[in-house]
Amino acid sequence: MAPRANWKGFLRLSLVTCPVALFPATSDSEKISFNQINRNTGHRIKYMKVDADTGEEVSSDDIMKGYKVDTDTYIEISKDELDNIALESTRTIEIDQFVPKSEIDELYLVRPYYIVPDGKVGHDAYAVIRETIRSLDKVALARVVLTNREHVIALEARDNGLMGMLLRYPYEVRNSAEYFDDIQDVKITKDMLDLAKHIVQQKSGHFEPAKFEDHYEAALTELINKKRNGERISPVSKPVSNDNVISLMDALKRSISGKPASAAKPAAAPKAAKGKKPRKAAAGQREMLLPIAGKRAAKADEKRAPKEVKAKGRARKAG
């Protein structure tokens, strides 16, 4: 089923106008999402809009917008007042300017949309605007109102359609100097740079999104399937961090050779007595030792696990 249009109106280049619809070019709906559940009943959690002082539920008809000017002072803004200041861009994407795409800083990019003709009329005007943008090898800057706010949108030809990229305003982009000024000015030797470039060459390839793997999504799917099948979920020990200190040059060389940093010889540690385990774990080993709870605890967990799985299963069905 095709997604619903986020916006419908007109695309205008001077006196050339055509009806268009705007659709989001990306989607997160395929990702696994969760509901909040009452642990005791298995029922979903429902949120209500309540008065912050009285605690009483408030109906949608009694809710209005307000701008906070003091601790307990708000300037109330009604829907009619907002409608009175509605901009022309509420219903029209007006092209204002054409600029080279290379001049748009990536920090200003927000979200892509597909812009298509709306209905059977206006395809000729749409094609004229699309091919004009394509022939200039530039992007068209326009304005559009989404979710009651006006946005700048950059339009470019894509296949036989138009793609619009929502842009941020300058006040929404933070100054990098606030974050980068404290970075030390380190001089890199030519040998280090050559080694780093060699690593880049070894890892170079082409942009192929089809090869992207969402490992966390796959792990979530596996977890859900295991719980659905009543399998016991065993805690996974976290990898032990490697605290061995090696030189940057050594790290670069090992990266090229394919040897892990852990292959470096660690600093000599005092030998433990034969037959005895070290009493105190080194830094980074605590997580690894946590899952080892002892034989009695493990057997007790195995006996309890099936009952817990069934109980939770009944709780979900009840909801």
C-alpha atoms as a PDB file:
ATOM      1  CA  MET A   1       0.000   0.000   0.000  1.00  0.00           C
ATOM      2  CA  ALA A   2       1.431   3.371  -1.063  1.00  0.00           C
ATOM      3  CA  PRO A   3       2.142   5.823   1.771  1.00  0.00           C
ATOM      4  CA  ARG A   4      -0.064   8.859   2.224  1.00  0.00           C
ATOM      5  CA  ALA A   5       1.208  12.198   0.978  1.00  0.00           C
ATOM      6  CA  ASN A   6       2.638  14.457   3.685  1.00  0.00           C
ATOM      7  CA  TRP A   7       1.631  17.542   1.753  1.00  0.00           C
ATOM      8  CA  LYS A   8      -0.432  18.512  -1.292  1.00  0.00           C
ATOM      9  CA  GLY A   9      -0.417  21.830  -3.093  1.00  0.00           C
ATOM     10  CA  PHE A  10       1.227  23.539  -6.064  1.00  0.00           C
ATOM     11  CA  LEU A  11       4.763  23.784  -7.398  1.00  0.00           C
ATOM     12  CA  ARG A  12       5.445  27.176  -8.980  1.00  0.00           C
ATOM     13  CA  LEU A  13       8.277  28.545 -11.107  1.00  0.00           C
ATOM     14  CA  SER A  14       7.319  32.138 -11.922  1.00  0.00           C
ATOM     15  CA  LEU A  15       4.017  31.751 -13.833  1.00  0.00           C
ATOM     16  CA  VAL A  16       4.388  27.992 -14.431  1.00  0.00           C
ATOM     17  CA  THR A  17       2.321  26.084 -11.877  1.00  0.00           C
ATOM     18  CA  CYS A  18       1.304  22.454 -11.390  1.00  0.00           C
ATOM     19  CA  PRO A  19      -0.409  20.464  -8.609  1.00  0.00           C
ATOM     20  CA  VAL A  20       1.992  18.195  -6.719  1.00  0.00           C
ATOM     21  CA  ALA A  21       2.105  15.814  -3.769  1.00  0.00           C
ATOM     22  CA  LEU A  22       5.038  15.410  -1.401  1.00  0.00           C
ATOM     23  CA  PHE A  23       5.969  11.980  -0.006  1.00  0.00           C
ATOM     24  CA  PRO A  24       8.724  11.053   2.471  1.00  0.00           C
ATOM     25  CA  ALA A  25      11.584   9.377   0.590  1.00  0.00           C
ATOM     26  CA  THR A  26      12.702   7.356   3.633  1.00  0.00           C
ATOM     27  CA  SER A  27      10.885   5.289   6.243  1.00  0.00           C
ATOM     28  CA  ASP A  28      11.554   3.797   9.682  1.00  0.00           C
ATOM     29  CA  SER A  29       8.324   1.772   9.745  1.00  0.00           C
ATOM     30  CA  GLU A  30      10.150  -1.456   8.827  1.00  0.00           C
ATOM     31  CA  LYS A  31      12.278  -1.268  11.958  1.00  0.00           C
ATOM     32  CA  ILE A  32      11.230  -3.285  15.009  1.00  0.00           C
ATOM     33  CA  SER A  33       9.342  -1.128  17.502  1.00  0.00           C
ATOM     34  CA  PHE A  34       8.168  -1.847  21.033  1.00  0.00           C
ATOM     35  CA  ASN A  35       5.089  -1.076  23.105  1.00  0.00           C
ATOM     36  CA  GLN A  36       5.293  -0.330  26.806  1.00  0.00           C
ATOM     37  CA  ILE A  37       3.666  -3.119  28.825  1.00  0.00           C
ATOM     38  CA  ASN A  38       2.514  -3.366  32.431  1.00  0.00           C
ATOM     39  CA  ARG A  39       4.813  -6.033  33.882  1.00  0.00           C
ATOM     40  CA  ASN A  40       2.104  -7.272  36.279  1.00  0.00           C
ATOM     41  CA  THR A  41      -0.854  -7.538  33.849  1.00  0.00           C
ATOM     42  CA  GLY A  42       0.706  -7.740  30.401  1.00  0.00           C
ATOM     43  CA  HIS A  43      -1.522  -4.853  29.261  1.00  0.00           C
ATOM     44  CA  ARG A  44      -0.330  -1.928  27.155  1.00  0.00           C
ATOM     45  CA  ILE A  45       0.414   1.386  28.828  1.00  0.00           C
ATOM     46  CA  LYS A  46      -1.866   4.272  27.850  1.00  0.00           C
ATOM     47  CA  TYR A  47      -0.903   7.910  28.251  1.00  0.00           C
ATOM     48  CA  MET A  48      -3.406  10.635  29.086  1.00  0.00           C
ATOM     49  CA  LYS A  49      -3.161  14.411  28.876  1.00  0.00           C
ATOM     50  CA  VAL A  50      -3.660  15.744  32.381  1.00  0.00           C
ATOM     51  CA  ASP A  51      -3.565  19.143  34.073  1.00  0.00           C
ATOM     52  CA  ALA A  52      -0.125  19.558  35.655  1.00  0.00           C
ATOM     53  CA  ASP A  53      -1.605  21.011  38.871  1.00  0.00           C
ATOM     54  CA  THR A  54      -4.963  19.273  39.352  1.00  0.00           C
ATOM     55  CA  GLY A  55      -3.993  15.922  37.826  1.00  0.00           C
ATOM     56  CA  GLU A  56      -7.357  15.765  36.031  1.00  0.00           C
ATOM     57  CA  GLU A  57      -7.577  14.535  32.436  1.00  0.00           C
ATOM     58  CA  VAL A  58      -8.111  17.293  29.850  1.00  0.00           C
ATOM     59  CA  SER A  59     -10.110  16.799  26.630  1.00  0.00           C
ATOM     60  CA  SER A  60      -8.602  17.758  23.268  1.00  0.00           C
ATOM     61  CA  ASP A  61     -11.171  20.563  22.840  1.00  0.00           C
ATOM     62  CA  ASP A  62      -9.861  22.288  25.973  1.00  0.00           C
ATOM     63  CA  ILE A  63      -6.208  22.182  24.959  1.00  0.00           C
ATOM     64  CA  MET A  64      -4.577  25.165  23.250  1.00  0.00           C
ATOM     65  CA  LYS A  65      -1.038  26.296  22.514  1.00  0.00           C
ATOM     66  CA  GLY A  66       0.906  28.568  24.836  1.00  0.00           C
ATOM     67  CA  TYR A  67       4.348  30.186  24.768  1.00  0.00           C
ATOM     68  CA  LYS A  68       6.114  30.154  28.139  1.00  0.00           C
ATOM     69  CA  VAL A  69       7.413  33.588  29.171  1.00  0.00           C
ATOM     70  CA  ASP A  70       7.845  32.989  32.913  1.00  0.00           C
ATOM     71  CA  THR A  71       7.602  30.194  35.470  1.00  0.00           C
ATOM     72  CA  ASP A  72       3.794  30.225  35.520  1.00  0.00           C
ATOM     73  CA  THR A  73       3.044  32.688  32.724  1.00  0.00           C
ATOM     74  CA  TYR A  74       2.069  31.700  29.180  1.00  0.00           C
ATOM     75  CA  ILE A  75       0.989  33.656  26.130  1.00  0.00           C
ATOM     76  CA  GLU A  76      -1.987  31.759  24.733  1.00  0.00           C
ATOM     77  CA  ILE A  77      -2.152  31.354  20.942  1.00  0.00           C
ATOM     78  CA  SER A  78      -5.394  30.127  19.371  1.00  0.00           C
ATOM     79  CA  LYS A  79      -5.773  28.104  16.162  1.00  0.00           C
ATOM     80  CA  ASP A  80      -7.524  31.035  14.466  1.00  0.00           C
ATOM     81  CA  GLU A  81      -4.578  33.301  15.276  1.00  0.00           C
ATOM     82  CA  LEU A  82      -2.181  30.776  13.753  1.00  0.00           C
ATOM     83  CA  ASP A  83      -4.367  30.483  10.654  1.00  0.00           C
ATOM     84  CA  ASN A  84      -4.316  34.281  10.264  1.00  0.00           C
ATOM     85  CA  ILE A  85      -0.527  34.274   9.830  1.00  0.00           C
ATOM     86  CA  ALA A  86      -0.561  31.317   7.421  1.00  0.00           C
ATOM     87  CA  LEU A  87       2.020  31.831   4.665  1.00  0.00           C
ATOM     88  CA  GLU A  88       1.548  31.333   0.963  1.00  0.00           C
ATOM     89  CA  SER A  89       4.014  28.435   1.231  1.00  0.00           C
ATOM     90  CA  THR A  90       1.294  26.577   3.156  1.00  0.00           C
ATOM     91  CA  ARG A  91      -0.215  25.593  -0.185  1.00  0.00           C
ATOM     92  CA  THR A  92       2.511  26.490  -2.684  1.00  0.00           C
ATOM     93  CA  ILE A  93       6.143  25.488  -3.156  1.00  0.00           C
ATOM     94  CA  GLU A  94       7.496  28.702  -4.637  1.00  0.00           C
ATOM     95  CA  ILE A  95      10.918  28.436  -6.302  1.00  0.00           C
ATOM     96  CA  ASP A  96      12.978  31.486  -5.315  1.00  0.00           C
ATOM     97  CA  GLN A  97      16.523  30.774  -6.462  1.00  0.00           C
ATOM     98  CA  PHE A  98      18.855  28.339  -8.236  1.00  0.00           C
ATOM     99  CA  VAL A  99      22.224  27.494  -6.638  1.00  0.00           C
ATOM    100  CA  PRO A 100      25.062  24.982  -7.250  1.00  0.00           C
ATOM    101  CA  LYS A 101      24.499  21.846  -5.196  1.00  0.00           C
ATOM    102  CA  SER A 102      28.158  21.841  -4.142  1.00  0.00           C
ATOM    103  CA  GLU A 103      27.600  25.072  -2.205  1.00  0.00           C
ATOM    104  CA  ILE A 104      25.103  23.491   0.207  1.00  0.00           C
ATOM    105  CA  ASP A 105      26.866  22.434   3.417  1.00  0.00           C
ATOM    106  CA  GLU A 106      25.842  18.908   4.453  1.00  0.00           C
ATOM    107  CA  LEU A 107      25.096  20.196   7.957  1.00  0.00           C
ATOM    108  CA  TYR A 108      22.008  21.878   6.505  1.00  0.00           C
ATOM    109  CA  LEU A 109      20.512  18.659   5.073  1.00  0.00           C
ATOM    110  CA  VAL A 110      17.535  17.321   7.048  1.00  0.00           C
ATOM    111  CA  ARG A 111      15.231  14.902   5.231  1.00  0.00           C
ATOM    112  CA  PRO A 112      14.500  13.881   1.597  1.00  0.00           C
ATOM    113  CA  TYR A 113      11.069  13.890  -0.059  1.00  0.00           C
ATOM    114  CA  TYR A 114       9.717  12.778  -3.425  1.00  0.00           C
ATOM    115  CA  ILE A 115       7.651  15.390  -5.247  1.00  0.00           C
ATOM    116  CA  VAL A 116       5.261  13.995  -7.879  1.00  0.00           C
ATOM    117  CA  PRO A 117       2.389  15.363  -9.996  1.00  0.00           C
ATOM    118  CA  ASP A 118      -0.925  15.221  -8.135  1.00  0.00           C
ATOM    119  CA  GLY A 119      -3.612  13.923 -10.467  1.00  0.00           C
ATOM    120  CA  LYS A 120      -3.792  13.672 -14.241  1.00  0.00           C
ATOM    121  CA  VAL A 121      -3.341  17.363 -15.019  1.00  0.00           C
ATOM    122  CA  GLY A 122      -0.192  19.436 -14.812  1.00  0.00           C
ATOM    123  CA  HIS A 123       2.276  16.821 -16.050  1.00  0.00           C
ATOM    124  CA  ASP A 124       3.484  19.138 -18.820  1.00  0.00           C
ATOM    125  CA  ALA A 125       4.226  21.976 -16.402  1.00  0.00           C
ATOM    126  CA  TYR A 126       5.870  19.502 -14.009  1.00  0.00           C
ATOM    127  CA  ALA A 127       8.119  18.212 -16.820  1.00  0.00           C
ATOM    128  CA  VAL A 128       9.121  21.774 -17.798  1.00  0.00           C
ATOM    129  CA  ILE A 129      10.174  22.587 -14.201  1.00  0.00           C
ATOM    130  CA  ARG A 130      11.997  19.254 -13.800  1.00  0.00           C
ATOM    131  CA  GLU A 131      13.959  19.534 -17.051  1.00  0.00           C
ATOM    132  CA  THR A 132      14.793  23.188 -16.398  1.00  0.00           C
ATOM    133  CA  ILE A 133      16.372  22.206 -13.067  1.00  0.00           C
ATOM    134  CA  ARG A 134      18.174  19.262 -14.681  1.00  0.00           C
ATOM    135  CA  SER A 135      19.580  21.311 -17.568  1.00  0.00           C
ATOM    136  CA  LEU A 136      21.063  23.931 -15.264  1.00  0.00           C
ATOM    137  CA  ASP A 137      22.847  21.282 -13.157  1.00  0.00           C
ATOM    138  CA  LYS A 138      21.713  23.201 -10.078  1.00  0.00           C
ATOM    139  CA  VAL A 139      19.201  22.808  -7.264  1.00  0.00           C
ATOM    140  CA  ALA A 140      16.161  25.032  -6.858  1.00  0.00           C
ATOM    141  CA  LEU A 141      15.605  26.617  -3.445  1.00  0.00           C
ATOM    142  CA  ALA A 142      11.974  26.968  -2.447  1.00  0.00           C
ATOM    143  CA  ARG A 143       9.782  27.261   0.660  1.00  0.00           C
ATOM    144  CA  VAL A 144       7.165  24.840   1.982  1.00  0.00           C
ATOM    145  CA  VAL A 145       5.099  24.615   5.170  1.00  0.00           C
ATOM    146  CA  LEU A 146       5.169  21.230   6.937  1.00  0.00           C
ATOM    147  CA  THR A 147       3.796  20.579  10.435  1.00  0.00           C
ATOM    148  CA  ASN A 148       2.828  24.258  10.717  1.00  0.00           C
ATOM    149  CA  ARG A 149       6.399  25.482  10.186  1.00  0.00           C
ATOM    150  CA  GLU A 150       7.948  26.950   7.054  1.00  0.00           C
ATOM    151  CA  HIS A 151      11.018  25.160   5.742  1.00  0.00           C
ATOM    152  CA  VAL A 152      13.514  25.806   2.970  1.00  0.00           C
ATOM    153  CA  ILE A 153      13.561  22.905   0.514  1.00  0.00           C
ATOM    154  CA  ALA A 154      16.139  22.198  -2.210  1.00  0.00           C
ATOM    155  CA  LEU A 155      14.682  20.610  -5.353  1.00  0.00           C
ATOM    156  CA  GLU A 156      16.678  18.554  -7.847  1.00  0.00           C
ATOM    157  CA  ALA A 157      15.789  16.307 -10.776  1.00  0.00           C
ATOM    158  CA  ARG A 158      15.952  12.584  -9.987  1.00  0.00           C
ATOM    159  CA  ASP A 159      15.092  10.021 -12.681  1.00  0.00           C
ATOM    160  CA  ASN A 160      11.741  11.158 -14.105  1.00  0.00           C
ATOM    161  CA  GLY A 161      10.723  12.980 -10.930  1.00  0.00           C
ATOM    162  CA  LEU A 162      11.853  15.580  -8.420  1.00  0.00           C
ATOM    163  CA  MET A 163      13.489  15.092  -5.039  1.00  0.00           C
ATOM    164  CA  GLY A 164      13.210  17.760  -2.373  1.00  0.00           C
ATOM    165  CA  MET A 165      15.686  17.967   0.504  1.00  0.00           C
ATOM    166  CA  LEU A 166      14.512  19.841   3.586  1.00  0.00           C
ATOM    167  CA  LEU A 167      17.164  22.268   4.833  1.00  0.00           C
ATOM    168  CA  ARG A 168      17.928  23.707   8.259  1.00  0.00           C
ATOM    169  CA  TYR A 169      18.018  27.405   9.045  1.00  0.00           C
ATOM    170  CA  PRO A 170      21.359  28.925  10.103  1.00  0.00           C
ATOM    171  CA  TYR A 171      20.182  29.281  13.728  1.00  0.00           C
ATOM    172  CA  GLU A 172      19.677  25.496  13.844  1.00  0.00           C
ATOM    173  CA  VAL A 173      23.303  24.727  12.941  1.00  0.00           C
ATOM    174  CA  ARG A 174      25.807  24.886  15.788  1.00  0.00           C
ATOM    175  CA  ASN A 175      29.170  26.543  15.346  1.00  0.00           C
ATOM    176  CA  SER A 176      31.873  23.894  14.967  1.00  0.00           C
ATOM    177  CA  ALA A 177      34.435  26.175  16.655  1.00  0.00           C
ATOM    178  CA  GLU A 178      32.706  25.556  19.993  1.00  0.00           C
ATOM    179  CA  TYR A 179      33.670  21.882  19.689  1.00  0.00           C
ATOM    180  CA  PHE A 180      36.857  21.851  17.601  1.00  0.00           C
ATOM    181  CA  ASP A 181      38.841  24.724  19.125  1.00  0.00           C
ATOM    182  CA  ASP A 182      40.249  22.556  21.930  1.00  0.00           C
ATOM    183  CA  ILE A 183      41.560  19.851  19.584  1.00  0.00           C
ATOM    184  CA  GLN A 184      45.363  19.783  19.759  1.00  0.00           C
ATOM    185  CA  ASP A 185      47.337  20.736  16.660  1.00  0.00           C
ATOM    186  CA  VAL A 186      49.324  17.522  16.236  1.00  0.00           C
ATOM    187  CA  LYS A 187      51.988  17.195  13.553  1.00  0.00           C
ATOM    188  CA  ILE A 188      51.732  13.917  11.631  1.00  0.00           C
ATOM    189  CA  THR A 189      54.897  12.453  10.117  1.00  0.00           C
ATOM    190  CA  LYS A 190      54.977  11.474   6.442  1.00  0.00           C
ATOM    191  CA  ASP A 191      55.575   7.808   7.372  1.00  0.00           C
ATOM    192  CA  MET A 192      52.429   7.700   9.503  1.00  0.00           C
ATOM    193  CA  LEU A 193      50.380   9.397   6.806  1.00  0.00           C
ATOM    194  CA  ASP A 194      51.659   6.976   4.142  1.00  0.00           C
ATOM    195  CA  LEU A 195      50.734   3.985   6.324  1.00  0.00           C
ATOM    196  CA  ALA A 196      47.277   5.428   6.974  1.00  0.00           C
ATOM    197  CA  LYS A 197      46.739   6.011   3.235  1.00  0.00           C
ATOM    198  CA  HIS A 198      47.744   2.397   2.567  1.00  0.00           C
ATOM    199  CA  ILE A 199      45.060   1.234   5.024  1.00  0.00           C
ATOM    200  CA  VAL A 200      42.500   3.378   3.189  1.00  0.00           C
ATOM    201  CA  GLN A 201      43.507   1.818  -0.138  1.00  0.00           C
ATOM    202  CA  GLN A 202      43.037  -1.667   1.328  1.00  0.00           C
ATOM    203  CA  LYS A 203      39.537  -0.754   2.505  1.00  0.00           C
ATOM    204  CA  SER A 204      38.470   1.228  -0.567  1.00  0.00           C
ATOM    205  CA  GLY A 205      35.401   0.158  -2.518  1.00  0.00           C
ATOM    206  CA  HIS A 206      32.147   1.495  -3.966  1.00  0.00           C
ATOM    207  CA  PHE A 207      29.027   2.786  -2.257  1.00  0.00           C
ATOM    208  CA  GLU A 208      26.629  -0.197  -2.275  1.00  0.00           C
ATOM    209  CA  PRO A 209      23.718   0.325   0.161  1.00  0.00           C
ATOM    210  CA  ALA A 210      22.422  -3.196  -0.584  1.00  0.00           C
ATOM    211  CA  LYS A 211      25.387  -4.531   1.391  1.00  0.00           C
ATOM    212  CA  PHE A 212      24.570  -2.509   4.508  1.00  0.00           C
ATOM    213  CA  GLU A 213      23.660  -4.763   7.438  1.00  0.00           C
ATOM    214  CA  ASP A 214      21.687  -3.593  10.460  1.00  0.00           C
ATOM    215  CA  HIS A 215      23.272  -5.912  13.020  1.00  0.00           C
ATOM    216  CA  TYR A 216      21.194  -4.574  15.908  1.00  0.00           C
ATOM    217  CA  GLU A 217      17.930  -5.140  14.011  1.00  0.00           C
ATOM    218  CA  ALA A 218      19.035  -8.706  13.227  1.00  0.00           C
ATOM    219  CA  ALA A 219      19.884  -9.300  16.906  1.00  0.00           C
ATOM    220  CA  LEU A 220      16.451  -7.969  17.937  1.00  0.00           C
ATOM    221  CA  THR A 221      14.743 -10.313  15.474  1.00  0.00           C
ATOM    222  CA  GLU A 222      16.713 -13.280  16.805  1.00  0.00           C
ATOM    223  CA  LEU A 223      15.896 -12.339  20.403  1.00  0.00           C
ATOM    224  CA  ILE A 224      12.149 -12.037  19.683  1.00  0.00           C
ATOM    225  CA  ASN A 225      12.081 -15.358  17.791  1.00  0.00           C
ATOM    226  CA  LYS A 226      13.857 -17.129  20.637  1.00  0.00           C
ATOM    227  CA  LYS A 227      11.405 -15.776  23.222  1.00  0.00           C
ATOM    228  CA  ARG A 228       8.455 -16.660  20.982  1.00  0.00           C
ATOM    229  CA  ASN A 229       9.731 -20.240  20.774  1.00  0.00           C
ATOM    230  CA  GLY A 230      10.203 -20.436  24.540  1.00  0.00           C
ATOM    231  CA  GLU A 231      13.984 -20.723  24.330  1.00  0.00           C
ATOM    232  CA  ARG A 232      16.050 -19.692  27.329  1.00  0.00           C
ATOM    233  CA  ILE A 233      17.924 -16.440  26.835  1.00  0.00           C
ATOM    234  CA  SER A 234      21.470 -16.703  28.114  1.00  0.00           C
ATOM    235  CA  PRO A 235      23.387 -13.530  28.974  1.00  0.00           C
ATOM    236  CA  VAL A 236      26.255 -12.811  26.618  1.00  0.00           C
ATOM    237  CA  SER A 237      29.598 -11.918  28.104  1.00  0.00           C
ATOM    238  CA  LYS A 238      30.983  -8.629  26.894  1.00  0.00           C
ATOM    239  CA  PRO A 239      34.341  -8.631  25.124  1.00  0.00           C
ATOM    240  CA  VAL A 240      37.278  -7.804  27.319  1.00  0.00           C
ATOM    241  CA  SER A 241      38.723  -4.407  26.497  1.00  0.00           C
ATOM    242  CA  ASN A 242      42.370  -4.327  25.532  1.00  0.00           C
ATOM    243  CA  ASP A 243      44.201  -1.849  27.732  1.00  0.00           C
ATOM    244  CA  ASN A 244      47.638  -2.598  26.323  1.00  0.00           C
ATOM    245  CA  VAL A 245      49.365   0.626  25.338  1.00  0.00           C
ATOM    246  CA  ILE A 246      51.021   0.448  21.909  1.00  0.00           C
ATOM    247  CA  SER A 247      52.524   3.216  19.816  1.00  0.00           C
ATOM    248  CA  LEU A 248      50.539   4.843  17.010  1.00  0.00           C
ATOM    249  CA  MET A 249      53.122   3.749  14.455  1.00  0.00           C
ATOM    250  CA  ASP A 250      52.910   0.157  15.709  1.00  0.00           C
ATOM    251  CA  ALA A 251      49.112   0.283  15.472  1.00  0.00           C
ATOM    252  CA  LEU A 252      49.308   1.473  11.862  1.00  0.00           C
ATOM    253  CA  LYS A 253      51.770  -1.265  10.930  1.00  0.00           C
ATOM    254  CA  ARG A 254      49.649  -3.964  12.552  1.00  0.00           C
ATOM    255  CA  SER A 255      46.551  -2.626  10.773  1.00  0.00           C
ATOM    256  CA  ILE A 256      48.270  -3.196   7.433  1.00  0.00           C
ATOM    257  CA  SER A 257      49.579  -6.647   8.351  1.00  0.00           C
ATOM    258  CA  GLY A 258      46.150  -7.710   9.575  1.00  0.00           C
ATOM    259  CA  LYS A 259      47.350  -8.590  13.050  1.00  0.00           C
ATOM    260  CA  PRO A 260      45.063  -7.391  15.855  1.00  0.00           C
ATOM    261  CA  ALA A 261      46.400  -4.980  18.450  1.00  0.00           C
ATOM    262  CA  SER A 262      45.931  -7.736  21.023  1.00  0.00           C
ATOM    263  CA  ALA A 263      48.805  -9.573  19.358  1.00  0.00           C
ATOM    264  CA  ALA A 264      51.177  -7.124  20.975  1.00  0.00           C
ATOM    265  CA  LYS A 265      52.933  -8.519  23.995  1.00  0.00           C
ATOM    266  CA  PRO A 266      51.247  -7.226  27.150  1.00  0.00           C
ATOM    267  CA  ALA A 267      53.210  -5.934  30.073  1.00  0.00           C
ATOM    268  CA  ALA A 268      54.475  -8.659  32.365  1.00  0.00           C
ATOM    269  CA  ALA A 269      51.981  -9.517  35.116  1.00  0.00           C
ATOM    270  CA  PRO A 270      52.652 -11.364  38.371  1.00  0.00           C
ATOM    271  CA  LYS A 271      52.104 -15.098  38.003  1.00  0.00           C
ATOM    272  CA  ALA A 272      49.182 -16.550  39.923  1.00  0.00           C
ATOM    273  CA  ALA A 273      49.669 -19.605  42.092  1.00  0.00           C
ATOM    274  CA  LYS A 274      49.075 -22.918  40.321  1.00  0.00           C
ATOM    275  CA  GLY A 275      45.527 -24.209  40.568  1.00  0.00           C
ATOM    276  CA  LYS A 276      44.175 -20.873  41.795  1.00  0.00           C
ATOM    277  CA  LYS A 277      42.346 -18.170  39.872  1.00  0.00           C
ATOM    278  CA  PRO A 278      43.254 -14.529  40.449  1.00  0.00           C
ATOM    279  CA  ARG A 279      41.106 -13.091  43.221  1.00  0.00           C
ATOM    280  CA  LYS A 280      40.738  -9.694  41.638  1.00  0.00           C
ATOM    281  CA  ALA A 281      39.807  -9.206  37.993  1.00  0.00           C
ATOM    282  CA  ALA A 282      41.767  -6.790  35.884  1.00  0.00           C
ATOM    283  CA  ALA A 283      40.124  -3.707  34.396  1.00  0.00           C
ATOM    284  CA  GLY A 284      37.562  -4.718  31.761  1.00  0.00           C
ATOM    285  CA  GLN A 285      37.131  -8.290  33.042  1.00  0.00           C
ATOM    286  CA  ARG A 286      34.249  -7.642  35.416  1.00  0.00           C
ATOM    287  CA  GLU A 287      31.600  -7.898  32.691  1.00  0.00           C
ATOM    288  CA  MET A 288      33.105 -11.164  31.485  1.00  0.00           C
ATOM    289  CA  LEU A 289      32.933 -12.738  34.943  1.00  0.00           C
ATOM    290  CA  LEU A 290      29.387 -11.648  35.802  1.00  0.00           C
ATOM    291  CA  PRO A 291      27.561 -14.381  33.812  1.00  0.00           C
ATOM    292  CA  ILE A 292      29.483 -17.096  35.662  1.00  0.00           C
ATOM    293  CA  ALA A 293      27.134 -17.540  38.624  1.00  0.00           C
ATOM    294  CA  GLY A 294      28.130 -21.004  39.833  1.00  0.00           C
ATOM    295  CA  LYS A 295      26.668 -24.469  39.203  1.00  0.00           C
ATOM    296  CA  ARG A 296      23.863 -24.288  41.785  1.00  0.00           C
ATOM    297  CA  ALA A 297      22.637 -20.926  40.555  1.00  0.00           C
ATOM    298  CA  ALA A 298      22.817 -22.096  36.954  1.00  0.00           C
ATOM    299  CA  LYS A 299      20.751 -25.228  37.703  1.00  0.00           C
ATOM    300  CA  ALA A 300      18.219 -23.162  39.610  1.00  0.00           C
ATOM    301  CA  ASP A 301      17.914 -20.790  36.656  1.00  0.00           C
ATOM    302  CA  GLU A 302      17.358 -23.708  34.271  1.00  0.00           C
ATOM    303  CA  LYS A 303      14.545 -25.032  36.464  1.00  0.00           C
ATOM    304  CA  ARG A 304      12.859 -21.647  36.766  1.00  0.00           C
ATOM    305  CA  ALA A 305      13.291 -20.537  33.142  1.00  0.00           C
ATOM    306  CA  PRO A 306      10.496 -22.615  31.476  1.00  0.00           C
ATOM    307  CA  LYS A 307       7.922 -21.440  34.058  1.00  0.00           C
ATOM    308  CA  GLU A 308       8.922 -17.814  33.602  1.00  0.00           C
ATOM    309  CA  VAL A 309       8.614 -18.067  29.820  1.00  0.00           C
ATOM    310  CA  LYS A 310       5.150 -19.615  30.052  1.00  0.00           C
ATOM    311  CA  ALA A 311       3.990 -17.054  32.599  1.00  0.00           C
ATOM    312  CA  LYS A 312       5.088 -14.192  30.395  1.00  0.00           C
ATOM    313  CA  GLY A 313       3.426 -15.848  27.425  1.00  0.00           C
ATOM    314  CA  ARG A 314       0.116 -15.927  29.310  1.00  0.00           C
ATOM    315  CA  ALA A 315       0.575 -12.302  30.277  1.00  0.00           C
ATOM    316  CA  ARG A 316       0.974 -11.255  26.645  1.00  0.00           C
ATOM    317  CA  LYS A 317      -2.117 -13.170  25.599  1.00  0.00           C
ATOM    318  CA  ALA A 318      -4.096 -11.486  28.353  1.00  0.00           C
ATOM    319  CA  GLY A 319      -3.181  -8.096  26.917  1.00  0.00           C
END
